[in-house]
Amino acid sequence: MGPAEMRFFFYIAFLSLVMLSGCAGDAKPETPVDTFKTYINAVKQKNTTKMKLLLSSDSIKMHEQEAKAQNVTLDDVVKRETLFSEGQKVIEFRNEKVEG
């Protein structure tokens, strides 16, 4: 490998490192309330994909079993089984505790 090829490799490696470091933001992990607010917005937008992403794996398994028993799709169960009623306007948050 000659000097020109080494220089080219160095520039590519350096550029890759700079680009990767730009991706590492100062984002804080979401709190339970933040996650719930995101879930509420997903329900309002009828975005079942986002709703499923916010549910735990155990919740998804439970919904899959329910969907199979009722012969409906997982999306149907996720849309129907929200944590609040459709007409509910106020949700209170209190005693949020985050450890770890």
C-alpha atoms as a PDB file:
ATOM      1  CA  MET A   1       0.000   0.000   0.000  1.00  0.00           C
ATOM      2  CA  GLY A   2       1.552   3.280  -1.131  1.00  0.00           C
ATOM      3  CA  PRO A   3       1.478   6.688   0.605  1.00  0.00           C
ATOM      4  CA  ALA A   4      -1.446   7.931  -1.522  1.00  0.00           C
ATOM      5  CA  GLU A   5      -3.518   4.869  -0.680  1.00  0.00           C
ATOM      6  CA  MET A   6      -2.654   5.201   3.021  1.00  0.00           C
ATOM      7  CA  ARG A   7      -3.672   8.866   2.972  1.00  0.00           C
ATOM      8  CA  PHE A   8      -6.965   7.991   1.239  1.00  0.00           C
ATOM      9  CA  PHE A   9      -7.661   5.260   3.819  1.00  0.00           C
ATOM     10  CA  PHE A  10      -6.864   7.694   6.646  1.00  0.00           C
ATOM     11  CA  TYR A  11      -9.271  10.313   5.238  1.00  0.00           C
ATOM     12  CA  ILE A  12     -12.063   7.754   4.877  1.00  0.00           C
ATOM     13  CA  ALA A  13     -11.505   6.476   8.419  1.00  0.00           C
ATOM     14  CA  PHE A  14     -11.386  10.024   9.808  1.00  0.00           C
ATOM     15  CA  LEU A  15     -14.530  11.067   7.937  1.00  0.00           C
ATOM     16  CA  SER A  16     -16.364   7.965   9.182  1.00  0.00           C
ATOM     17  CA  LEU A  17     -15.337   8.722  12.757  1.00  0.00           C
ATOM     18  CA  VAL A  18     -16.519  12.336  12.484  1.00  0.00           C
ATOM     19  CA  MET A  19     -19.853  11.243  11.046  1.00  0.00           C
ATOM     20  CA  LEU A  20     -20.369   8.653  13.774  1.00  0.00           C
ATOM     21  CA  SER A  21     -19.524  11.111  16.536  1.00  0.00           C
ATOM     22  CA  GLY A  22     -22.150  13.475  15.145  1.00  0.00           C
ATOM     23  CA  CYS A  23     -24.785  10.799  15.685  1.00  0.00           C
ATOM     24  CA  ALA A  24     -24.098  10.475  19.407  1.00  0.00           C
ATOM     25  CA  GLY A  25     -26.412  13.166  20.765  1.00  0.00           C
ATOM     26  CA  ASP A  26     -27.061  14.194  24.341  1.00  0.00           C
ATOM     27  CA  ALA A  27     -30.512  12.608  24.330  1.00  0.00           C
ATOM     28  CA  LYS A  28     -31.791  11.590  27.743  1.00  0.00           C
ATOM     29  CA  PRO A  29     -33.730   8.358  28.066  1.00  0.00           C
ATOM     30  CA  GLU A  30     -37.453   8.956  28.188  1.00  0.00           C
ATOM     31  CA  THR A  31     -39.252   8.805  31.508  1.00  0.00           C
ATOM     32  CA  PRO A  32     -42.354   6.646  31.945  1.00  0.00           C
ATOM     33  CA  VAL A  33     -44.542   9.753  31.598  1.00  0.00           C
ATOM     34  CA  ASP A  34     -42.771  10.757  28.360  1.00  0.00           C
ATOM     35  CA  THR A  35     -43.313   7.265  26.983  1.00  0.00           C
ATOM     36  CA  PHE A  36     -46.980   7.331  27.969  1.00  0.00           C
ATOM     37  CA  LYS A  37     -47.456  10.727  26.320  1.00  0.00           C
ATOM     38  CA  THR A  38     -45.898   9.332  23.142  1.00  0.00           C
ATOM     39  CA  TYR A  39     -48.284   6.375  23.385  1.00  0.00           C
ATOM     40  CA  ILE A  40     -51.262   8.743  23.778  1.00  0.00           C
ATOM     41  CA  ASN A  41     -50.211  10.613  20.636  1.00  0.00           C
ATOM     42  CA  ALA A  42     -49.862   7.329  18.741  1.00  0.00           C
ATOM     43  CA  VAL A  43     -53.382   6.318  19.815  1.00  0.00           C
ATOM     44  CA  LYS A  44     -54.791   9.675  18.706  1.00  0.00           C
ATOM     45  CA  GLN A  45     -53.040   9.314  15.339  1.00  0.00           C
ATOM     46  CA  LYS A  46     -54.179   5.665  15.099  1.00  0.00           C
ATOM     47  CA  ASN A  47     -50.524   4.715  14.544  1.00  0.00           C
ATOM     48  CA  THR A  48     -50.565   1.039  15.534  1.00  0.00           C
ATOM     49  CA  THR A  49     -46.928   0.542  14.548  1.00  0.00           C
ATOM     50  CA  LYS A  50     -45.784   3.149  17.065  1.00  0.00           C
ATOM     51  CA  MET A  51     -48.209   1.813  19.674  1.00  0.00           C
ATOM     52  CA  LYS A  52     -46.725  -1.686  19.323  1.00  0.00           C
ATOM     53  CA  LEU A  53     -43.177  -0.320  19.585  1.00  0.00           C
ATOM     54  CA  LEU A  54     -44.050   1.307  22.905  1.00  0.00           C
ATOM     55  CA  LEU A  55     -45.605  -1.835  24.408  1.00  0.00           C
ATOM     56  CA  SER A  56     -43.503  -4.330  26.328  1.00  0.00           C
ATOM     57  CA  SER A  57     -42.716  -7.699  24.787  1.00  0.00           C
ATOM     58  CA  ASP A  58     -44.976  -9.360  27.373  1.00  0.00           C
ATOM     59  CA  SER A  59     -47.851  -7.060  26.394  1.00  0.00           C
ATOM     60  CA  ILE A  60     -47.312  -7.898  22.732  1.00  0.00           C
ATOM     61  CA  LYS A  61     -47.329 -11.639  23.547  1.00  0.00           C
ATOM     62  CA  MET A  62     -50.548 -11.234  25.514  1.00  0.00           C
ATOM     63  CA  HIS A  63     -52.158  -9.302  22.640  1.00  0.00           C
ATOM     64  CA  GLU A  64     -50.976 -11.943  20.141  1.00  0.00           C
ATOM     65  CA  GLN A  65     -52.623 -14.683  22.208  1.00  0.00           C
ATOM     66  CA  GLU A  66     -55.826 -12.659  22.439  1.00  0.00           C
ATOM     67  CA  ALA A  67     -55.787 -11.994  18.688  1.00  0.00           C
ATOM     68  CA  LYS A  68     -55.312 -15.692  17.948  1.00  0.00           C
ATOM     69  CA  ALA A  69     -58.138 -16.675  20.322  1.00  0.00           C
ATOM     70  CA  GLN A  70     -60.502 -14.128  18.742  1.00  0.00           C
ATOM     71  CA  ASN A  71     -59.324 -14.813  15.178  1.00  0.00           C
ATOM     72  CA  VAL A  72     -58.424 -11.159  14.566  1.00  0.00           C
ATOM     73  CA  THR A  73     -55.159  -9.384  13.786  1.00  0.00           C
ATOM     74  CA  LEU A  74     -52.708  -8.122  16.367  1.00  0.00           C
ATOM     75  CA  ASP A  75     -53.324  -4.580  15.121  1.00  0.00           C
ATOM     76  CA  ASP A  76     -57.046  -4.949  15.851  1.00  0.00           C
ATOM     77  CA  VAL A  77     -56.325  -5.916  19.451  1.00  0.00           C
ATOM     78  CA  VAL A  78     -53.730  -3.150  19.924  1.00  0.00           C
ATOM     79  CA  LYS A  79     -56.171  -0.525  18.597  1.00  0.00           C
ATOM     80  CA  ARG A  80     -58.948  -1.771  20.860  1.00  0.00           C
ATOM     81  CA  GLU A  81     -56.924  -2.303  24.051  1.00  0.00           C
ATOM     82  CA  THR A  82     -55.740   1.218  24.843  1.00  0.00           C
ATOM     83  CA  LEU A  83     -55.077   2.336  28.400  1.00  0.00           C
ATOM     84  CA  PHE A  84     -57.832   4.941  28.364  1.00  0.00           C
ATOM     85  CA  SER A  85     -61.252   5.518  26.860  1.00  0.00           C
ATOM     86  CA  GLU A  86     -61.639   7.297  23.529  1.00  0.00           C
ATOM     87  CA  GLY A  87     -63.585  10.214  25.028  1.00  0.00           C
ATOM     88  CA  GLN A  88     -61.263  10.683  27.995  1.00  0.00           C
ATOM     89  CA  LYS A  89     -59.815  14.205  28.030  1.00  0.00           C
ATOM     90  CA  VAL A  90     -57.669  14.272  31.182  1.00  0.00           C
ATOM     91  CA  ILE A  91     -54.996  11.871  32.365  1.00  0.00           C
ATOM     92  CA  GLU A  92     -53.243  12.548  35.649  1.00  0.00           C
ATOM     93  CA  PHE A  93     -49.606  11.661  36.243  1.00  0.00           C
ATOM     94  CA  ARG A  94     -48.150  11.421  39.717  1.00  0.00           C
ATOM     95  CA  ASN A  95     -45.460   9.751  41.756  1.00  0.00           C
ATOM     96  CA  GLU A  96     -43.187   9.123  38.808  1.00  0.00           C
ATOM     97  CA  LYS A  97     -40.149   7.237  40.034  1.00  0.00           C
ATOM     98  CA  VAL A  98     -37.243   6.347  37.794  1.00  0.00           C
ATOM     99  CA  GLU A  99     -34.406   4.205  39.114  1.00  0.00           C
ATOM    100  CA  GLY A 100     -31.320   2.872  37.452  1.00  0.00           C
END
